[in-house]
Amino acid sequence: MHQFEKLKIWQKAMDITENVYKVCSELPSDEKFNLISQIKRCAVSIPSNIAEGSGRNSNNEFAHFLGIANGSTYELITQLMISKRLKLIAEEKTSTIINELVEVSNMNFALQRSLKK
């Protein structure tokens, strides 16, 4: 079992989630139950799955939840790209968050590799 609060990947994912919520507050209210809801769910899913996996009984189980977190990472990247294409979020804001998500994804793959050793 790992102490998820000490994991840099979890801390970074929490920061991203906070930033995503701030950006979502700027989106049009008519997207509240569509894109905004989906974006927030994905953002929350990343640190949540990292935390859940860290509390599992084996490294294989942890790696499985890291895989789910990585799927949510790529889903969130896609949703941010959609928001940018629809001109709902400025490119500067999406680019910053996407770069952070790519960093978390790289950290995720490295952590998964270390768990399989």
PDB file of N, CA and C in Angstrom:
ATOM      1  N   MET A   1       0.834  -1.185   0.000  1.00  0.00           N
ATOM      2  CA  MET A   1       0.000   0.000   0.000  1.00  0.00           C
ATOM      3  C   MET A   1       0.884   1.256   0.000  1.00  0.00           C
ATOM      4  N   HIS A   2       0.508   2.214  -0.780  1.00  0.00           N
ATOM      5  CA  HIS A   2       1.257   3.463  -0.898  1.00  0.00           C
ATOM      6  C   HIS A   2       0.482   4.593  -0.225  1.00  0.00           C
ATOM      7  N   GLN A   3       1.197   5.586   0.244  1.00  0.00           N
ATOM      8  CA  GLN A   3       0.547   6.779   0.783  1.00  0.00           C
ATOM      9  C   GLN A   3       0.347   7.740  -0.385  1.00  0.00           C
ATOM     10  N   PHE A   4      -0.870   7.716  -0.933  1.00  0.00           N
ATOM     11  CA  PHE A   4      -1.128   8.448  -2.168  1.00  0.00           C
ATOM     12  C   PHE A   4      -0.861   9.937  -2.046  1.00  0.00           C
ATOM     13  N   GLU A   5      -1.051  10.504  -0.846  1.00  0.00           N
ATOM     14  CA  GLU A   5      -0.853  11.946  -0.678  1.00  0.00           C
ATOM     15  C   GLU A   5       0.602  12.358  -0.908  1.00  0.00           C
ATOM     16  N   LYS A   6       1.515  11.406  -0.772  1.00  0.00           N
ATOM     17  CA  LYS A   6       2.932  11.704  -0.958  1.00  0.00           C
ATOM     18  C   LYS A   6       3.393  11.486  -2.400  1.00  0.00           C
ATOM     19  N   LEU A   7       2.546  10.898  -3.210  1.00  0.00           N
ATOM     20  CA  LEU A   7       2.919  10.635  -4.599  1.00  0.00           C
ATOM     21  C   LEU A   7       2.868  11.926  -5.411  1.00  0.00           C
ATOM     22  N   LYS A   8       3.970  12.255  -6.081  1.00  0.00           N
ATOM     23  CA  LYS A   8       4.024  13.486  -6.887  1.00  0.00           C
ATOM     24  C   LYS A   8       2.977  13.466  -7.993  1.00  0.00           C
ATOM     25  N   ILE A   9       2.717  12.305  -8.560  1.00  0.00           N
ATOM     26  CA  ILE A   9       1.719  12.205  -9.630  1.00  0.00           C
ATOM     27  C   ILE A   9       0.329  12.560  -9.105  1.00  0.00           C
ATOM     28  N   TRP A  10       0.016  12.131  -7.891  1.00  0.00           N
ATOM     29  CA  TRP A  10      -1.295  12.451  -7.307  1.00  0.00           C
ATOM     30  C   TRP A  10      -1.379  13.956  -7.025  1.00  0.00           C
ATOM     31  N   GLN A  11      -0.314  14.522  -6.468  1.00  0.00           N
ATOM     32  CA  GLN A  11      -0.287  15.957  -6.169  1.00  0.00           C
ATOM     33  C   GLN A  11      -0.469  16.779  -7.443  1.00  0.00           C
ATOM     34  N   LYS A  12       0.229  16.379  -8.510  1.00  0.00           N
ATOM     35  CA  LYS A  12       0.122  17.085  -9.791  1.00  0.00           C
ATOM     36  C   LYS A  12      -1.297  16.945 -10.346  1.00  0.00           C
ATOM     37  N   ALA A  13      -1.866  15.760 -10.246  1.00  0.00           N
ATOM     38  CA  ALA A  13      -3.233  15.534 -10.735  1.00  0.00           C
ATOM     39  C   ALA A  13      -4.240  16.368  -9.946  1.00  0.00           C
ATOM     40  N   MET A  14      -4.007  16.545  -8.663  1.00  0.00           N
ATOM     41  CA  MET A  14      -4.882  17.399  -7.852  1.00  0.00           C
ATOM     42  C   MET A  14      -4.788  18.853  -8.308  1.00  0.00           C
ATOM     43  N   ASP A  15      -3.579  19.318  -8.606  1.00  0.00           N
ATOM     44  CA  ASP A  15      -3.400  20.689  -9.100  1.00  0.00           C
ATOM     45  C   ASP A  15      -4.136  20.876 -10.426  1.00  0.00           C
ATOM     46  N   ILE A  16      -4.022  19.891 -11.304  1.00  0.00           N
ATOM     47  CA  ILE A  16      -4.710  19.966 -12.600  1.00  0.00           C
ATOM     48  C   ILE A  16      -6.216  20.032 -12.387  1.00  0.00           C
ATOM     49  N   THR A  17      -6.732  19.222 -11.495  1.00  0.00           N
ATOM     50  CA  THR A  17      -8.169  19.218 -11.223  1.00  0.00           C
ATOM     51  C   THR A  17      -8.632  20.590 -10.756  1.00  0.00           C
ATOM     52  N   GLU A  18      -7.858  21.192  -9.879  1.00  0.00           N
ATOM     53  CA  GLU A  18      -8.193  22.534  -9.395  1.00  0.00           C
ATOM     54  C   GLU A  18      -8.205  23.538 -10.555  1.00  0.00           C
ATOM     55  N   ASN A  19      -7.203  23.468 -11.418  1.00  0.00           N
ATOM     56  CA  ASN A  19      -7.132  24.374 -12.568  1.00  0.00           C
ATOM     57  C   ASN A  19      -8.279  24.142 -13.546  1.00  0.00           C
ATOM     58  N   VAL A  20      -8.649  22.905 -13.737  1.00  0.00           N
ATOM     59  CA  VAL A  20      -9.770  22.574 -14.630  1.00  0.00           C
ATOM     60  C   VAL A  20     -11.065  23.168 -14.086  1.00  0.00           C
ATOM     61  N   TYR A  21     -11.291  23.057 -12.797  1.00  0.00           N
ATOM     62  CA  TYR A  21     -12.506  23.632 -12.206  1.00  0.00           C
ATOM     63  C   TYR A  21     -12.545  25.150 -12.397  1.00  0.00           C
ATOM     64  N   LYS A  22     -11.388  25.794 -12.271  1.00  0.00           N
ATOM     65  CA  LYS A  22     -11.334  27.251 -12.472  1.00  0.00           C
ATOM     66  C   LYS A  22     -11.675  27.608 -13.919  1.00  0.00           C
ATOM     67  N   VAL A  23     -11.128  26.865 -14.864  1.00  0.00           N
ATOM     68  CA  VAL A  23     -11.401  27.118 -16.280  1.00  0.00           C
ATOM     69  C   VAL A  23     -12.871  26.844 -16.602  1.00  0.00           C
ATOM     70  N   CYS A  24     -13.417  25.796 -16.021  1.00  0.00           N
ATOM     71  CA  CYS A  24     -14.825  25.448 -16.277  1.00  0.00           C
ATOM     72  C   CYS A  24     -15.776  26.541 -15.800  1.00  0.00           C
ATOM     73  N   SER A  25     -15.370  27.273 -14.779  1.00  0.00           N
ATOM     74  CA  SER A  25     -16.239  28.346 -14.278  1.00  0.00           C
ATOM     75  C   SER A  25     -16.394  29.464 -15.310  1.00  0.00           C
ATOM     76  N   GLU A  26     -15.508  29.501 -16.291  1.00  0.00           N
ATOM     77  CA  GLU A  26     -15.566  30.515 -17.345  1.00  0.00           C
ATOM     78  C   GLU A  26     -16.369  30.062 -18.561  1.00  0.00           C
ATOM     79  N   LEU A  27     -16.746  28.794 -18.595  1.00  0.00           N
ATOM     80  CA  LEU A  27     -17.484  28.272 -19.753  1.00  0.00           C
ATOM     81  C   LEU A  27     -18.940  28.724 -19.717  1.00  0.00           C
ATOM     82  N   PRO A  28     -19.583  28.766 -20.873  1.00  0.00           N
ATOM     83  CA  PRO A  28     -20.996  29.187 -20.925  1.00  0.00           C
ATOM     84  C   PRO A  28     -21.885  28.262 -20.099  1.00  0.00           C
ATOM     85  N   SER A  29     -22.863  28.840 -19.450  1.00  0.00           N
ATOM     86  CA  SER A  29     -23.738  28.052 -18.575  1.00  0.00           C
ATOM     87  C   SER A  29     -24.547  27.010 -19.343  1.00  0.00           C
ATOM     88  N   ASP A  30     -24.766  27.206 -20.629  1.00  0.00           N
ATOM     89  CA  ASP A  30     -25.528  26.212 -21.389  1.00  0.00           C
ATOM     90  C   ASP A  30     -24.738  24.915 -21.591  1.00  0.00           C
ATOM     91  N   GLU A  31     -23.454  24.918 -21.250  1.00  0.00           N
ATOM     92  CA  GLU A  31     -22.636  23.702 -21.309  1.00  0.00           C
ATOM     93  C   GLU A  31     -22.565  22.995 -19.957  1.00  0.00           C
ATOM     94  N   LYS A  32     -23.275  23.522 -18.972  1.00  0.00           N
ATOM     95  CA  LYS A  32     -23.181  23.016 -17.597  1.00  0.00           C
ATOM     96  C   LYS A  32     -23.410  21.510 -17.494  1.00  0.00           C
ATOM     97  N   PHE A  33     -24.396  20.997 -18.188  1.00  0.00           N
ATOM     98  CA  PHE A  33     -24.728  19.576 -18.055  1.00  0.00           C
ATOM     99  C   PHE A  33     -24.146  18.735 -19.183  1.00  0.00           C
ATOM    100  N   ASN A  34     -23.365  19.349 -20.037  1.00  0.00           N
ATOM    101  CA  ASN A  34     -22.767  18.621 -21.149  1.00  0.00           C
ATOM    102  C   ASN A  34     -21.259  18.568 -20.977  1.00  0.00           C
ATOM    103  N   LEU A  35     -20.575  19.417 -21.675  1.00  0.00           N
ATOM    104  CA  LEU A  35     -19.118  19.390 -21.695  1.00  0.00           C
ATOM    105  C   LEU A  35     -18.504  19.696 -20.328  1.00  0.00           C
ATOM    106  N   ILE A  36     -19.028  20.675 -19.627  1.00  0.00           N
ATOM    107  CA  ILE A  36     -18.473  21.028 -18.311  1.00  0.00           C
ATOM    108  C   ILE A  36     -18.536  19.832 -17.366  1.00  0.00           C
ATOM    109  N   SER A  37     -19.667  19.177 -17.326  1.00  0.00           N
ATOM    110  CA  SER A  37     -19.836  18.018 -16.455  1.00  0.00           C
ATOM    111  C   SER A  37     -18.845  16.914 -16.813  1.00  0.00           C
ATOM    112  N   GLN A  38     -18.689  16.652 -18.092  1.00  0.00           N
ATOM    113  CA  GLN A  38     -17.776  15.606 -18.549  1.00  0.00           C
ATOM    114  C   GLN A  38     -16.323  15.961 -18.238  1.00  0.00           C
ATOM    115  N   ILE A  39     -15.947  17.207 -18.472  1.00  0.00           N
ATOM    116  CA  ILE A  39     -14.577  17.659 -18.193  1.00  0.00           C
ATOM    117  C   ILE A  39     -14.265  17.510 -16.703  1.00  0.00           C
ATOM    118  N   LYS A  40     -15.182  17.940 -15.862  1.00  0.00           N
ATOM    119  CA  LYS A  40     -14.951  17.852 -14.410  1.00  0.00           C
ATOM    120  C   LYS A  40     -14.847  16.400 -13.949  1.00  0.00           C
ATOM    121  N   ARG A  41     -15.715  15.539 -14.485  1.00  0.00           N
ATOM    122  CA  ARG A  41     -15.660  14.122 -14.096  1.00  0.00           C
ATOM    123  C   ARG A  41     -14.321  13.498 -14.468  1.00  0.00           C
ATOM    124  N   CYS A  42     -13.827  13.815 -15.658  1.00  0.00           N
ATOM    125  CA  CYS A  42     -12.522  13.291 -16.078  1.00  0.00           C
ATOM    126  C   CYS A  42     -11.410  13.796 -15.176  1.00  0.00           C
ATOM    127  N   ALA A  43     -11.429  15.091 -14.899  1.00  0.00           N
ATOM    128  CA  ALA A  43     -10.381  15.682 -14.066  1.00  0.00           C
ATOM    129  C   ALA A  43     -10.355  15.032 -12.685  1.00  0.00           C
ATOM    130  N   VAL A  44     -11.517  14.842 -12.098  1.00  0.00           N
ATOM    131  CA  VAL A  44     -11.612  14.226 -10.764  1.00  0.00           C
ATOM    132  C   VAL A  44     -11.194  12.759 -10.808  1.00  0.00           C
ATOM    133  N   SER A  45     -11.465  12.104 -11.916  1.00  0.00           N
ATOM    134  CA  SER A  45     -11.155  10.687 -12.067  1.00  0.00           C
ATOM    135  C   SER A  45      -9.660  10.401 -11.988  1.00  0.00           C
ATOM    136  N   ILE A  46      -8.842  11.319 -12.456  1.00  0.00           N
ATOM    137  CA  ILE A  46      -7.395  11.063 -12.505  1.00  0.00           C
ATOM    138  C   ILE A  46      -6.810  10.885 -11.103  1.00  0.00           C
ATOM    139  N   PRO A  47      -6.886  11.877 -10.205  1.00  0.00           N
ATOM    140  CA  PRO A  47      -6.324  11.654  -8.870  1.00  0.00           C
ATOM    141  C   PRO A  47      -7.094  10.604  -8.068  1.00  0.00           C
ATOM    142  N   SER A  48      -8.386  10.478  -8.349  1.00  0.00           N
ATOM    143  CA  SER A  48      -9.193   9.492  -7.619  1.00  0.00           C
ATOM    144  C   SER A  48      -8.723   8.071  -7.916  1.00  0.00           C
ATOM    145  N   ASN A  49      -8.462   7.763  -9.176  1.00  0.00           N
ATOM    146  CA  ASN A  49      -7.996   6.423  -9.529  1.00  0.00           C
ATOM    147  C   ASN A  49      -6.577   6.164  -9.049  1.00  0.00           C
ATOM    148  N   ILE A  50      -5.748   7.195  -9.040  1.00  0.00           N
ATOM    149  CA  ILE A  50      -4.403   7.039  -8.477  1.00  0.00           C
ATOM    150  C   ILE A  50      -4.508   6.689  -6.991  1.00  0.00           C
ATOM    151  N   ALA A  51      -5.368   7.405  -6.278  1.00  0.00           N
ATOM    152  CA  ALA A  51      -5.545   7.143  -4.845  1.00  0.00           C
ATOM    153  C   ALA A  51      -6.136   5.757  -4.613  1.00  0.00           C
ATOM    154  N   GLU A  52      -7.171   5.414  -5.384  1.00  0.00           N
ATOM    155  CA  GLU A  52      -7.799   4.099  -5.190  1.00  0.00           C
ATOM    156  C   GLU A  52      -6.809   2.978  -5.463  1.00  0.00           C
ATOM    157  N   GLY A  53      -6.056   3.109  -6.536  1.00  0.00           N
ATOM    158  CA  GLY A  53      -5.073   2.085  -6.869  1.00  0.00           C
ATOM    159  C   GLY A  53      -4.005   1.930  -5.811  1.00  0.00           C
ATOM    160  N   SER A  54      -3.602   3.043  -5.216  1.00  0.00           N
ATOM    161  CA  SER A  54      -2.551   2.980  -4.199  1.00  0.00           C
ATOM    162  C   SER A  54      -2.997   2.207  -2.965  1.00  0.00           C
ATOM    163  N   GLY A  55      -4.291   2.139  -2.765  1.00  0.00           N
ATOM    164  CA  GLY A  55      -4.813   1.430  -1.599  1.00  0.00           C
ATOM    165  C   GLY A  55      -5.138  -0.033  -1.867  1.00  0.00           C
ATOM    166  N   ARG A  56      -4.865  -0.508  -3.060  1.00  0.00           N
ATOM    167  CA  ARG A  56      -5.144  -1.902  -3.403  1.00  0.00           C
ATOM    168  C   ARG A  56      -4.079  -2.832  -2.837  1.00  0.00           C
ATOM    169  N   ASN A  57      -4.323  -4.121  -2.974  1.00  0.00           N
ATOM    170  CA  ASN A  57      -3.495  -5.127  -2.317  1.00  0.00           C
ATOM    171  C   ASN A  57      -2.214  -5.507  -3.056  1.00  0.00           C
ATOM    172  N   SER A  58      -2.100  -5.131  -4.317  1.00  0.00           N
ATOM    173  CA  SER A  58      -0.906  -5.539  -5.057  1.00  0.00           C
ATOM    174  C   SER A  58      -0.502  -4.450  -6.045  1.00  0.00           C
ATOM    175  N   ASN A  59       0.747  -4.561  -6.481  1.00  0.00           N
ATOM    176  CA  ASN A  59       1.240  -3.625  -7.490  1.00  0.00           C
ATOM    177  C   ASN A  59       0.493  -3.783  -8.811  1.00  0.00           C
ATOM    178  N   ASN A  60       0.080  -5.004  -9.118  1.00  0.00           N
ATOM    179  CA  ASN A  60      -0.693  -5.223 -10.356  1.00  0.00           C
ATOM    180  C   ASN A  60      -2.025  -4.486 -10.305  1.00  0.00           C
ATOM    181  N   GLU A  61      -2.683  -4.530  -9.162  1.00  0.00           N
ATOM    182  CA  GLU A  61      -3.942  -3.803  -9.018  1.00  0.00           C
ATOM    183  C   GLU A  61      -3.708  -2.296  -9.107  1.00  0.00           C
ATOM    184  N   PHE A  62      -2.627  -1.832  -8.482  1.00  0.00           N
ATOM    185  CA  PHE A  62      -2.295  -0.414  -8.542  1.00  0.00           C
ATOM    186  C   PHE A  62      -2.074  -0.007 -10.004  1.00  0.00           C
ATOM    187  N   ALA A  63      -1.298  -0.807 -10.739  1.00  0.00           N
ATOM    188  CA  ALA A  63      -1.020  -0.517 -12.155  1.00  0.00           C
ATOM    189  C   ALA A  63      -2.318  -0.470 -12.961  1.00  0.00           C
ATOM    190  N   HIS A  64      -3.270  -1.330 -12.626  1.00  0.00           N
ATOM    191  CA  HIS A  64      -4.561  -1.332 -13.329  1.00  0.00           C
ATOM    192  C   HIS A  64      -5.269   0.018 -13.150  1.00  0.00           C
ATOM    193  N   PHE A  65      -5.308   0.520 -11.936  1.00  0.00           N
ATOM    194  CA  PHE A  65      -5.971   1.804 -11.683  1.00  0.00           C
ATOM    195  C   PHE A  65      -5.186   2.967 -12.286  1.00  0.00           C
ATOM    196  N   LEU A  66      -3.862   2.833 -12.358  1.00  0.00           N
ATOM    197  CA  LEU A  66      -3.078   3.858 -13.048  1.00  0.00           C
ATOM    198  C   LEU A  66      -3.435   3.885 -14.530  1.00  0.00           C
ATOM    199  N   GLY A  67      -3.710   2.710 -15.090  1.00  0.00           N
ATOM    200  CA  GLY A  67      -4.148   2.640 -16.480  1.00  0.00           C
ATOM    201  C   GLY A  67      -5.477   3.355 -16.683  1.00  0.00           C
ATOM    202  N   ILE A  68      -6.386   3.194 -15.748  1.00  0.00           N
ATOM    203  CA  ILE A  68      -7.675   3.899 -15.819  1.00  0.00           C
ATOM    204  C   ILE A  68      -7.447   5.407 -15.720  1.00  0.00           C
ATOM    205  N   ALA A  69      -6.573   5.819 -14.801  1.00  0.00           N
ATOM    206  CA  ALA A  69      -6.258   7.243 -14.657  1.00  0.00           C
ATOM    207  C   ALA A  69      -5.668   7.797 -15.949  1.00  0.00           C
ATOM    208  N   ASN A  70      -4.832   7.006 -16.605  1.00  0.00           N
ATOM    209  CA  ASN A  70      -4.237   7.465 -17.857  1.00  0.00           C
ATOM    210  C   ASN A  70      -5.295   7.591 -18.951  1.00  0.00           C
ATOM    211  N   GLY A  71      -6.255   6.681 -18.967  1.00  0.00           N
ATOM    212  CA  GLY A  71      -7.361   6.806 -19.918  1.00  0.00           C
ATOM    213  C   GLY A  71      -8.131   8.094 -19.696  1.00  0.00           C
ATOM    214  N   SER A  72      -8.383   8.432 -18.444  1.00  0.00           N
ATOM    215  CA  SER A  72      -9.075   9.683 -18.117  1.00  0.00           C
ATOM    216  C   SER A  72      -8.233  10.887 -18.512  1.00  0.00           C
ATOM    217  N   THR A  73      -6.925  10.762 -18.408  1.00  0.00           N
ATOM    218  CA  THR A  73      -6.020  11.846 -18.806  1.00  0.00           C
ATOM    219  C   THR A  73      -6.187  12.151 -20.290  1.00  0.00           C
ATOM    220  N   TYR A  74      -6.175  11.103 -21.114  1.00  0.00           N
ATOM    221  CA  TYR A  74      -6.316  11.300 -22.558  1.00  0.00           C
ATOM    222  C   TYR A  74      -7.724  11.760 -22.929  1.00  0.00           C
ATOM    223  N   GLU A  75      -8.701  11.300 -22.194  1.00  0.00           N
ATOM    224  CA  GLU A  75     -10.077  11.757 -22.428  1.00  0.00           C
ATOM    225  C   GLU A  75     -10.183  13.253 -22.123  1.00  0.00           C
ATOM    226  N   LEU A  76      -9.560  13.691 -21.036  1.00  0.00           N
ATOM    227  CA  LEU A  76      -9.592  15.104 -20.671  1.00  0.00           C
ATOM    228  C   LEU A  76      -8.856  15.955 -21.704  1.00  0.00           C
ATOM    229  N   ILE A  77      -7.726  15.466 -22.186  1.00  0.00           N
ATOM    230  CA  ILE A  77      -7.014  16.184 -23.252  1.00  0.00           C
ATOM    231  C   ILE A  77      -7.932  16.387 -24.446  1.00  0.00           C
ATOM    232  N   THR A  78      -8.652  15.347 -24.841  1.00  0.00           N
ATOM    233  CA  THR A  78      -9.563  15.431 -25.975  1.00  0.00           C
ATOM    234  C   THR A  78     -10.667  16.450 -25.719  1.00  0.00           C
ATOM    235  N   GLN A  79     -11.244  16.437 -24.537  1.00  0.00           N
ATOM    236  CA  GLN A  79     -12.323  17.378 -24.214  1.00  0.00           C
ATOM    237  C   GLN A  79     -11.824  18.820 -24.203  1.00  0.00           C
ATOM    238  N   LEU A  80     -10.610  19.032 -23.746  1.00  0.00           N
ATOM    239  CA  LEU A  80     -10.041  20.379 -23.776  1.00  0.00           C
ATOM    240  C   LEU A  80      -9.787  20.827 -25.213  1.00  0.00           C
ATOM    241  N   MET A  81      -9.353  19.892 -26.050  1.00  0.00           N
ATOM    242  CA  MET A  81      -9.155  20.214 -27.468  1.00  0.00           C
ATOM    243  C   MET A  81     -10.486  20.562 -28.138  1.00  0.00           C
ATOM    244  N   ILE A  82     -11.531  19.838 -27.783  1.00  0.00           N
ATOM    245  CA  ILE A  82     -12.864  20.144 -28.311  1.00  0.00           C
ATOM    246  C   ILE A  82     -13.280  21.542 -27.863  1.00  0.00           C
ATOM    247  N   SER A  83     -13.072  21.843 -26.592  1.00  0.00           N
ATOM    248  CA  SER A  83     -13.426  23.164 -26.056  1.00  0.00           C
ATOM    249  C   SER A  83     -12.669  24.271 -26.773  1.00  0.00           C
ATOM    250  N   LYS A  84     -11.404  24.009 -27.083  1.00  0.00           N
ATOM    251  CA  LYS A  84     -10.601  24.997 -27.811  1.00  0.00           C
ATOM    252  C   LYS A  84     -11.136  25.163 -29.236  1.00  0.00           C
ATOM    253  N   ARG A  85     -11.437  24.048 -29.899  1.00  0.00           N
ATOM    254  CA  ARG A  85     -11.929  24.117 -31.282  1.00  0.00           C
ATOM    255  C   ARG A  85     -13.266  24.841 -31.366  1.00  0.00           C
ATOM    256  N   LEU A  86     -14.085  24.686 -30.321  1.00  0.00           N
ATOM    257  CA  LEU A  86     -15.377  25.371 -30.281  1.00  0.00           C
ATOM    258  C   LEU A  86     -15.250  26.805 -29.757  1.00  0.00           C
ATOM    259  N   LYS A  87     -14.012  27.184 -29.457  1.00  0.00           N
ATOM    260  CA  LYS A  87     -13.718  28.536 -28.945  1.00  0.00           C
ATOM    261  C   LYS A  87     -14.431  28.830 -27.621  1.00  0.00           C
ATOM    262  N   LEU A  88     -14.554  27.783 -26.802  1.00  0.00           N
ATOM    263  CA  LEU A  88     -15.145  27.934 -25.476  1.00  0.00           C
ATOM    264  C   LEU A  88     -14.078  28.266 -24.432  1.00  0.00           C
ATOM    265  N   ILE A  89     -12.842  27.805 -24.686  1.00  0.00           N
ATOM    266  CA  ILE A  89     -11.717  28.067 -23.790  1.00  0.00           C
ATOM    267  C   ILE A  89     -10.569  28.588 -24.655  1.00  0.00           C
ATOM    268  N   ALA A  90      -9.894  29.617 -24.174  1.00  0.00           N
ATOM    269  CA  ALA A  90      -8.764  30.187 -24.903  1.00  0.00           C
ATOM    270  C   ALA A  90      -7.630  29.171 -25.025  1.00  0.00           C
ATOM    271  N   GLU A  91      -6.945  29.225 -26.144  1.00  0.00           N
ATOM    272  CA  GLU A  91      -5.866  28.268 -26.412  1.00  0.00           C
ATOM    273  C   GLU A  91      -4.782  28.294 -25.337  1.00  0.00           C
ATOM    274  N   GLU A  92      -4.461  29.483 -24.808  1.00  0.00           N
ATOM    275  CA  GLU A  92      -3.429  29.568 -23.772  1.00  0.00           C
ATOM    276  C   GLU A  92      -3.785  28.714 -22.561  1.00  0.00           C
ATOM    277  N   LYS A  93      -5.059  28.738 -22.195  1.00  0.00           N
ATOM    278  CA  LYS A  93      -5.494  27.980 -21.017  1.00  0.00           C
ATOM    279  C   LYS A  93      -5.502  26.487 -21.298  1.00  0.00           C
ATOM    280  N   THR A  94      -5.991  26.097 -22.473  1.00  0.00           N
ATOM    281  CA  THR A  94      -6.012  24.663 -22.790  1.00  0.00           C
ATOM    282  C   THR A  94      -4.594  24.134 -22.942  1.00  0.00           C
ATOM    283  N   SER A  95      -3.718  24.904 -23.574  1.00  0.00           N
ATOM    284  CA  SER A  95      -2.336  24.450 -23.788  1.00  0.00           C
ATOM    285  C   SER A  95      -1.622  24.201 -22.468  1.00  0.00           C
ATOM    286  N   THR A  96      -1.817  25.086 -21.520  1.00  0.00           N
ATOM    287  CA  THR A  96      -1.171  24.933 -20.208  1.00  0.00           C
ATOM    288  C   THR A  96      -1.634  23.648 -19.527  1.00  0.00           C
ATOM    289  N   ILE A  97      -2.936  23.442 -19.506  1.00  0.00           N
ATOM    290  CA  ILE A  97      -3.467  22.245 -18.839  1.00  0.00           C
ATOM    291  C   ILE A  97      -3.068  20.987 -19.605  1.00  0.00           C
ATOM    292  N   ILE A  98      -3.128  21.030 -20.930  1.00  0.00           N
ATOM    293  CA  ILE A  98      -2.746  19.855 -21.722  1.00  0.00           C
ATOM    294  C   ILE A  98      -1.285  19.495 -21.481  1.00  0.00           C
ATOM    295  N   ASN A  99      -0.409  20.492 -21.411  1.00  0.00           N
ATOM    296  CA  ASN A  99       1.010  20.212 -21.120  1.00  0.00           C
ATOM    297  C   ASN A  99       1.172  19.544 -19.757  1.00  0.00           C
ATOM    298  N   GLU A 100       0.396  19.988 -18.778  1.00  0.00           N
ATOM    299  CA  GLU A 100       0.436  19.365 -17.448  1.00  0.00           C
ATOM    300  C   GLU A 100      -0.089  17.932 -17.509  1.00  0.00           C
ATOM    301  N   LEU A 101      -1.108  17.705 -18.316  1.00  0.00           N
ATOM    302  CA  LEU A 101      -1.667  16.363 -18.457  1.00  0.00           C
ATOM    303  C   LEU A 101      -0.673  15.418 -19.131  1.00  0.00           C
ATOM    304  N   VAL A 102       0.053  15.914 -20.113  1.00  0.00           N
ATOM    305  CA  VAL A 102       1.083  15.094 -20.761  1.00  0.00           C
ATOM    306  C   VAL A 102       2.161  14.722 -19.747  1.00  0.00           C
ATOM    307  N   GLU A 103       2.520  15.668 -18.896  1.00  0.00           N
ATOM    308  CA  GLU A 103       3.501  15.391 -17.841  1.00  0.00           C
ATOM    309  C   GLU A 103       2.985  14.310 -16.880  1.00  0.00           C
ATOM    310  N   VAL A 104       1.723  14.408 -16.489  1.00  0.00           N
ATOM    311  CA  VAL A 104       1.136  13.395 -15.604  1.00  0.00           C
ATOM    312  C   VAL A 104       1.102  12.034 -16.305  1.00  0.00           C
ATOM    313  N   SER A 105       0.780  12.023 -17.576  1.00  0.00           N
ATOM    314  CA  SER A 105       0.766  10.771 -18.326  1.00  0.00           C
ATOM    315  C   SER A 105       2.150  10.123 -18.351  1.00  0.00           C
ATOM    316  N   ASN A 106       3.177  10.926 -18.578  1.00  0.00           N
ATOM    317  CA  ASN A 106       4.547  10.396 -18.566  1.00  0.00           C
ATOM    318  C   ASN A 106       4.919   9.862 -17.185  1.00  0.00           C
ATOM    319  N   MET A 107       4.523  10.578 -16.152  1.00  0.00           N
ATOM    320  CA  MET A 107       4.769  10.116 -14.783  1.00  0.00           C
ATOM    321  C   MET A 107       4.032   8.799 -14.537  1.00  0.00           C
ATOM    322  N   ASN A 108       2.821   8.721 -15.067  1.00  0.00           N
ATOM    323  CA  ASN A 108       1.998   7.532 -14.903  1.00  0.00           C
ATOM    324  C   ASN A 108       2.671   6.312 -15.536  1.00  0.00           C
ATOM    325  N   PHE A 109       3.118   6.456 -16.783  1.00  0.00           N
ATOM    326  CA  PHE A 109       3.784   5.335 -17.455  1.00  0.00           C
ATOM    327  C   PHE A 109       5.039   4.908 -16.702  1.00  0.00           C
ATOM    328  N   ALA A 110       5.814   5.880 -16.195  1.00  0.00           N
ATOM    329  CA  ALA A 110       7.015   5.554 -15.433  1.00  0.00           C
ATOM    330  C   ALA A 110       6.673   4.807 -14.145  1.00  0.00           C
ATOM    331  N   LEU A 111       5.617   5.253 -13.467  1.00  0.00           N
ATOM    332  CA  LEU A 111       5.192   4.584 -12.224  1.00  0.00           C
ATOM    333  C   LEU A 111       4.707   3.173 -12.525  1.00  0.00           C
ATOM    334  N   GLN A 112       3.954   3.011 -13.611  1.00  0.00           N
ATOM    335  CA  GLN A 112       3.497   1.670 -13.974  1.00  0.00           C
ATOM    336  C   GLN A 112       4.680   0.730 -14.244  1.00  0.00           C
ATOM    337  N   ARG A 113       5.675   1.239 -14.962  1.00  0.00           N
ATOM    338  CA  ARG A 113       6.873   0.421 -15.236  1.00  0.00           C
ATOM    339  C   ARG A 113       7.569   0.020 -13.947  1.00  0.00           C
ATOM    340  N   SER A 114       7.678   0.956 -13.002  1.00  0.00           N
ATOM    341  CA  SER A 114       8.373   0.653 -11.746  1.00  0.00           C
ATOM    342  C   SER A 114       7.609  -0.382 -10.918  1.00  0.00           C
ATOM    343  N   LEU A 115       6.282  -0.389 -11.044  1.00  0.00           N
ATOM    344  CA  LEU A 115       5.478  -1.347 -10.284  1.00  0.00           C
ATOM    345  C   LEU A 115       5.615  -2.767 -10.839  1.00  0.00           C
ATOM    346  N   LYS A 116       5.941  -2.874 -12.116  1.00  0.00           N
ATOM    347  CA  LYS A 116       6.026  -4.192 -12.759  1.00  0.00           C
ATOM    348  C   LYS A 116       7.385  -4.839 -12.593  1.00  0.00           C
ATOM    349  N   LYS A 117       8.337  -4.129 -11.977  1.00  0.00           N
ATOM    350  CA  LYS A 117       9.691  -4.700 -11.775  1.00  0.00           C
ATOM    351  C   LYS A 117       9.708  -5.628 -10.607  1.00  0.00           C
TER     352      LYS A 117
END
